[in-house]
Amino acid sequence: MFGDMMGMMNKLKEAQEKVEATKKRLNTVLVDEQSGDGLLKVTITANREVKNISVDDKLLEDKEQLEDYLVLTMNKAIEKATQINEAEIGAAAKDGMPDIPGMDGLMK
């Protein structure tokens, strides 16, 4: 039984290492989003770190419109990045989890 417990602990440690490696890799996964008319473009990582914002000169003439564009476009980018992040982290965690009787439905 003790050997089983040690094996399970090792598998849990491996799962944690896989999750950490996945988090690091997600810093290199870029998500691009733009406004419907292409006047504002943003790039963020799958870990939701802003990397670039590109604003067309036309938007600089209307502060309120620029703010609206930023909110909408950033929220769309964050939503996409979150979906990627959760799927990748979930897959890494599930892949490394040990088989524990009675725990089948928890990681779905």
N, C-alpha and C. Protein backbone atom coordinates (compact mmCIF):
# COMPACT_ATOMS: atom_id res chain seq x y z
N MET A 1 0.81 -1.19 0.00
CA MET A 1 0.00 0.00 0.00
C MET A 1 0.86 1.26 0.00
N PHE A 2 1.95 1.25 0.76
CA PHE A 2 2.82 2.40 0.82
C PHE A 2 3.43 2.71 -0.54
N GLY A 3 3.79 1.62 -1.26
CA GLY A 3 4.33 1.80 -2.62
C GLY A 3 3.30 2.41 -3.55
N ASP A 4 2.04 2.00 -3.40
CA ASP A 4 0.98 2.59 -4.21
C ASP A 4 0.84 4.09 -3.92
N MET A 5 0.95 4.44 -2.65
CA MET A 5 0.83 5.84 -2.25
C MET A 5 1.99 6.65 -2.82
N MET A 6 3.18 6.10 -2.79
CA MET A 6 4.35 6.80 -3.34
C MET A 6 4.21 6.96 -4.85
N GLY A 7 3.72 5.91 -5.49
CA GLY A 7 3.51 5.98 -6.94
C GLY A 7 2.48 7.05 -7.29
N MET A 8 1.43 7.13 -6.49
CA MET A 8 0.39 8.13 -6.71
C MET A 8 0.96 9.54 -6.49
N MET A 9 1.75 9.70 -5.48
CA MET A 9 2.36 11.00 -5.20
C MET A 9 3.29 11.42 -6.33
N ASN A 10 4.04 10.47 -6.87
CA ASN A 10 4.92 10.76 -8.00
C ASN A 10 4.12 11.18 -9.22
N LYS A 11 2.99 10.49 -9.46
CA LYS A 11 2.14 10.84 -10.59
C LYS A 11 1.54 12.23 -10.42
N LEU A 12 1.15 12.55 -9.18
CA LEU A 12 0.62 13.89 -8.92
C LEU A 12 1.69 14.96 -9.16
N LYS A 13 2.91 14.67 -8.76
CA LYS A 13 4.01 15.61 -8.98
C LYS A 13 4.25 15.78 -10.49
N GLU A 14 4.21 14.68 -11.23
CA GLU A 14 4.36 14.75 -12.69
C GLU A 14 3.23 15.57 -13.32
N ALA A 15 2.02 15.39 -12.83
CA ALA A 15 0.88 16.15 -13.34
C ALA A 15 1.10 17.64 -13.09
N GLN A 16 1.56 17.98 -11.90
CA GLN A 16 1.83 19.38 -11.57
C GLN A 16 2.91 19.95 -12.48
N GLU A 17 3.95 19.17 -12.75
CA GLU A 17 5.02 19.62 -13.64
C GLU A 17 4.50 19.83 -15.06
N LYS A 18 3.60 18.94 -15.51
CA LYS A 18 3.01 19.10 -16.85
C LYS A 18 2.18 20.37 -16.92
N VAL A 19 1.43 20.65 -15.87
CA VAL A 19 0.61 21.87 -15.84
C VAL A 19 1.51 23.10 -15.88
N GLU A 20 2.58 23.09 -15.09
CA GLU A 20 3.50 24.23 -15.08
C GLU A 20 4.16 24.43 -16.44
N ALA A 21 4.56 23.34 -17.09
CA ALA A 21 5.17 23.43 -18.42
C ALA A 21 4.16 23.97 -19.42
N THR A 22 2.91 23.55 -19.29
CA THR A 22 1.86 24.04 -20.18
C THR A 22 1.64 25.53 -19.97
N LYS A 23 1.62 25.97 -18.73
CA LYS A 23 1.46 27.40 -18.45
C LYS A 23 2.58 28.22 -19.09
N LYS A 24 3.79 27.70 -19.00
CA LYS A 24 4.93 28.39 -19.59
C LYS A 24 4.79 28.44 -21.12
N ARG A 25 4.37 27.33 -21.71
CA ARG A 25 4.19 27.28 -23.16
C ARG A 25 3.09 28.23 -23.62
N LEU A 26 2.05 28.40 -22.81
CA LEU A 26 0.94 29.27 -23.18
C LEU A 26 1.36 30.74 -23.25
N ASN A 27 2.52 31.07 -22.67
CA ASN A 27 3.05 32.43 -22.84
C ASN A 27 3.46 32.70 -24.28
N THR A 28 3.66 31.65 -25.05
CA THR A 28 4.09 31.81 -26.45
C THR A 28 2.92 31.66 -27.43
N VAL A 29 1.75 31.26 -26.93
CA VAL A 29 0.58 31.11 -27.80
C VAL A 29 -0.11 32.46 -27.88
N LEU A 30 -0.15 33.03 -29.10
CA LEU A 30 -0.71 34.36 -29.29
C LEU A 30 -2.13 34.30 -29.82
N VAL A 31 -2.97 35.17 -29.29
CA VAL A 31 -4.36 35.30 -29.71
C VAL A 31 -4.53 36.69 -30.30
N ASP A 32 -4.93 36.75 -31.56
CA ASP A 32 -5.17 38.03 -32.23
C ASP A 32 -6.66 38.28 -32.32
N GLU A 33 -7.05 39.51 -32.07
CA GLU A 33 -8.45 39.91 -32.19
C GLU A 33 -8.48 41.32 -32.75
N GLN A 34 -9.53 41.62 -33.49
CA GLN A 34 -9.67 42.97 -34.02
C GLN A 34 -11.12 43.40 -34.02
N SER A 35 -11.32 44.70 -34.09
CA SER A 35 -12.67 45.23 -34.18
C SER A 35 -13.26 44.82 -35.52
N GLY A 36 -14.58 44.91 -35.63
CA GLY A 36 -15.26 44.50 -36.87
C GLY A 36 -14.75 45.21 -38.11
N ASP A 37 -14.35 46.46 -37.97
CA ASP A 37 -13.86 47.22 -39.12
C ASP A 37 -12.34 47.21 -39.23
N GLY A 38 -11.68 46.52 -38.33
CA GLY A 38 -10.22 46.40 -38.39
C GLY A 38 -9.46 47.61 -37.92
N LEU A 39 -10.12 48.59 -37.32
CA LEU A 39 -9.44 49.80 -36.88
C LEU A 39 -8.65 49.61 -35.59
N LEU A 40 -8.98 48.57 -34.83
CA LEU A 40 -8.27 48.28 -33.59
C LEU A 40 -7.90 46.80 -33.61
N LYS A 41 -6.64 46.51 -33.32
CA LYS A 41 -6.17 45.13 -33.27
C LYS A 41 -5.41 44.93 -31.96
N VAL A 42 -5.67 43.78 -31.32
CA VAL A 42 -4.95 43.45 -30.10
C VAL A 42 -4.38 42.04 -30.21
N THR A 43 -3.26 41.85 -29.55
CA THR A 43 -2.63 40.53 -29.46
C THR A 43 -2.35 40.28 -27.99
N ILE A 44 -2.82 39.12 -27.50
CA ILE A 44 -2.54 38.71 -26.12
C ILE A 44 -2.07 37.26 -26.15
N THR A 45 -1.44 36.85 -25.05
CA THR A 45 -1.04 35.45 -24.94
C THR A 45 -2.21 34.64 -24.41
N ALA A 46 -2.10 33.33 -24.51
CA ALA A 46 -3.14 32.45 -23.95
C ALA A 46 -3.17 32.53 -22.43
N ASN A 47 -2.15 33.13 -21.83
CA ASN A 47 -2.15 33.40 -20.39
C ASN A 47 -2.70 34.80 -20.10
N ARG A 48 -3.28 35.42 -21.12
CA ARG A 48 -3.98 36.71 -21.02
C ARG A 48 -3.08 37.89 -20.69
N GLU A 49 -1.88 37.88 -21.24
CA GLU A 49 -0.96 39.01 -21.12
C GLU A 49 -0.99 39.78 -22.43
N VAL A 50 -1.27 41.09 -22.36
CA VAL A 50 -1.35 41.92 -23.56
C VAL A 50 0.05 42.07 -24.15
N LYS A 51 0.17 41.78 -25.44
CA LYS A 51 1.46 41.90 -26.14
C LYS A 51 1.49 43.09 -27.09
N ASN A 52 0.34 43.40 -27.70
CA ASN A 52 0.33 44.49 -28.68
C ASN A 52 -1.08 45.05 -28.84
N ILE A 53 -1.15 46.36 -29.03
CA ILE A 53 -2.40 47.03 -29.38
C ILE A 53 -2.08 47.97 -30.53
N SER A 54 -2.84 47.83 -31.61
CA SER A 54 -2.65 48.67 -32.79
C SER A 54 -3.94 49.46 -33.03
N VAL A 55 -3.79 50.80 -33.05
CA VAL A 55 -4.95 51.68 -33.20
C VAL A 55 -4.80 52.48 -34.49
N ASP A 56 -5.81 52.40 -35.35
CA ASP A 56 -5.83 53.20 -36.57
C ASP A 56 -6.00 54.67 -36.19
N ASP A 57 -5.36 55.56 -36.93
CA ASP A 57 -5.42 56.98 -36.66
C ASP A 57 -6.86 57.52 -36.60
N LYS A 58 -7.76 56.92 -37.35
CA LYS A 58 -9.17 57.37 -37.36
C LYS A 58 -9.78 57.31 -35.96
N LEU A 59 -9.37 56.32 -35.18
CA LEU A 59 -9.93 56.17 -33.84
C LEU A 59 -9.40 57.21 -32.86
N LEU A 60 -8.27 57.83 -33.18
CA LEU A 60 -7.68 58.81 -32.28
C LEU A 60 -8.49 60.10 -32.24
N GLU A 61 -9.39 60.27 -33.18
CA GLU A 61 -10.21 61.48 -33.25
C GLU A 61 -11.42 61.40 -32.32
N ASP A 62 -11.78 60.21 -31.85
CA ASP A 62 -12.97 60.04 -31.03
C ASP A 62 -12.63 59.17 -29.82
N LYS A 63 -12.34 59.84 -28.70
CA LYS A 63 -11.91 59.13 -27.49
C LYS A 63 -12.94 58.10 -27.03
N GLU A 64 -14.20 58.46 -27.03
CA GLU A 64 -15.26 57.55 -26.56
C GLU A 64 -15.36 56.31 -27.44
N GLN A 65 -15.26 56.49 -28.73
CA GLN A 65 -15.30 55.36 -29.66
C GLN A 65 -14.09 54.45 -29.44
N LEU A 66 -12.92 55.05 -29.25
CA LEU A 66 -11.70 54.27 -29.00
C LEU A 66 -11.86 53.44 -27.72
N GLU A 67 -12.38 54.05 -26.68
CA GLU A 67 -12.59 53.32 -25.43
C GLU A 67 -13.55 52.15 -25.62
N ASP A 68 -14.63 52.39 -26.34
CA ASP A 68 -15.59 51.32 -26.62
C ASP A 68 -14.94 50.19 -27.40
N TYR A 69 -14.18 50.54 -28.42
CA TYR A 69 -13.48 49.54 -29.23
C TYR A 69 -12.52 48.72 -28.37
N LEU A 70 -11.78 49.42 -27.50
CA LEU A 70 -10.82 48.71 -26.64
C LEU A 70 -11.52 47.71 -25.73
N VAL A 71 -12.59 48.14 -25.10
CA VAL A 71 -13.32 47.25 -24.19
C VAL A 71 -13.83 46.02 -24.94
N LEU A 72 -14.52 46.25 -26.05
CA LEU A 72 -15.11 45.14 -26.80
C LEU A 72 -14.05 44.19 -27.35
N THR A 73 -13.03 44.75 -27.96
CA THR A 73 -12.00 43.91 -28.60
C THR A 73 -11.16 43.18 -27.56
N MET A 74 -10.81 43.84 -26.48
CA MET A 74 -10.03 43.17 -25.42
C MET A 74 -10.85 42.05 -24.80
N ASN A 75 -12.14 42.28 -24.56
CA ASN A 75 -12.98 41.23 -23.97
C ASN A 75 -13.08 40.02 -24.89
N LYS A 76 -13.19 40.23 -26.19
CA LYS A 76 -13.23 39.11 -27.13
C LYS A 76 -11.91 38.34 -27.11
N ALA A 77 -10.80 39.07 -27.07
CA ALA A 77 -9.49 38.42 -27.05
C ALA A 77 -9.30 37.63 -25.75
N ILE A 78 -9.70 38.21 -24.63
CA ILE A 78 -9.58 37.54 -23.33
C ILE A 78 -10.43 36.29 -23.30
N GLU A 79 -11.62 36.36 -23.86
CA GLU A 79 -12.49 35.18 -23.90
C GLU A 79 -11.85 34.04 -24.70
N LYS A 80 -11.29 34.37 -25.86
CA LYS A 80 -10.61 33.34 -26.67
C LYS A 80 -9.41 32.77 -25.92
N ALA A 81 -8.61 33.64 -25.33
CA ALA A 81 -7.41 33.20 -24.61
C ALA A 81 -7.79 32.31 -23.42
N THR A 82 -8.86 32.67 -22.73
CA THR A 82 -9.32 31.88 -21.59
C THR A 82 -9.75 30.49 -22.02
N GLN A 83 -10.45 30.40 -23.14
CA GLN A 83 -10.88 29.09 -23.65
C GLN A 83 -9.67 28.21 -23.97
N ILE A 84 -8.67 28.79 -24.63
CA ILE A 84 -7.45 28.05 -24.95
C ILE A 84 -6.75 27.63 -23.67
N ASN A 85 -6.59 28.57 -22.75
CA ASN A 85 -5.90 28.32 -21.50
C ASN A 85 -6.56 27.19 -20.72
N GLU A 86 -7.86 27.28 -20.53
CA GLU A 86 -8.57 26.26 -19.74
C GLU A 86 -8.50 24.89 -20.40
N ALA A 87 -8.61 24.85 -21.72
CA ALA A 87 -8.55 23.56 -22.42
C ALA A 87 -7.16 22.93 -22.28
N GLU A 88 -6.12 23.74 -22.45
CA GLU A 88 -4.75 23.22 -22.40
C GLU A 88 -4.36 22.80 -20.98
N ILE A 89 -4.67 23.64 -20.00
CA ILE A 89 -4.33 23.32 -18.61
C ILE A 89 -5.13 22.09 -18.16
N GLY A 90 -6.41 22.06 -18.52
CA GLY A 90 -7.25 20.91 -18.16
C GLY A 90 -6.73 19.61 -18.75
N ALA A 91 -6.32 19.67 -20.01
CA ALA A 91 -5.79 18.48 -20.67
C ALA A 91 -4.49 18.03 -20.01
N ALA A 92 -3.62 18.98 -19.67
CA ALA A 92 -2.35 18.63 -19.03
C ALA A 92 -2.59 18.02 -17.66
N ALA A 93 -3.52 18.59 -16.92
CA ALA A 93 -3.81 18.07 -15.57
C ALA A 93 -4.43 16.69 -15.65
N LYS A 94 -5.39 16.51 -16.55
CA LYS A 94 -6.07 15.23 -16.68
C LYS A 94 -5.11 14.14 -17.14
N ASP A 95 -4.24 14.50 -18.09
CA ASP A 95 -3.29 13.54 -18.65
C ASP A 95 -2.33 13.01 -17.58
N GLY A 96 -1.99 13.83 -16.61
CA GLY A 96 -1.02 13.40 -15.62
C GLY A 96 -1.61 12.85 -14.34
N MET A 97 -2.93 12.85 -14.23
CA MET A 97 -3.55 12.39 -12.99
C MET A 97 -3.49 10.88 -12.86
N PRO A 98 -3.20 10.40 -11.66
CA PRO A 98 -3.19 8.96 -11.44
C PRO A 98 -4.62 8.43 -11.42
N ASP A 99 -4.76 7.15 -11.69
CA ASP A 99 -6.06 6.50 -11.63
C ASP A 99 -6.40 6.20 -10.17
N ILE A 100 -7.41 6.91 -9.67
CA ILE A 100 -7.84 6.71 -8.30
C ILE A 100 -9.27 6.17 -8.37
N PRO A 101 -9.51 5.00 -7.80
CA PRO A 101 -10.85 4.42 -7.86
C PRO A 101 -11.91 5.39 -7.30
N GLY A 102 -13.01 5.51 -8.04
CA GLY A 102 -14.12 6.37 -7.62
C GLY A 102 -13.96 7.82 -8.00
N MET A 103 -12.87 8.19 -8.67
CA MET A 103 -12.61 9.59 -9.01
C MET A 103 -12.76 9.84 -10.52
N ASP A 104 -13.34 8.90 -11.25
CA ASP A 104 -13.41 8.97 -12.70
C ASP A 104 -14.08 10.25 -13.23
N GLY A 105 -15.17 10.68 -12.63
CA GLY A 105 -15.94 11.79 -13.18
C GLY A 105 -15.47 13.16 -12.78
N LEU A 106 -14.47 13.28 -11.92
CA LEU A 106 -14.09 14.59 -11.43
C LEU A 106 -13.33 15.46 -12.42
N MET A 107 -12.60 14.90 -13.33
CA MET A 107 -11.78 15.69 -14.25
C MET A 107 -12.40 15.83 -15.63
N LYS A 108 -13.70 15.65 -15.73
CA LYS A 108 -14.36 15.78 -17.03
C LYS A 108 -15.02 17.10 -17.18
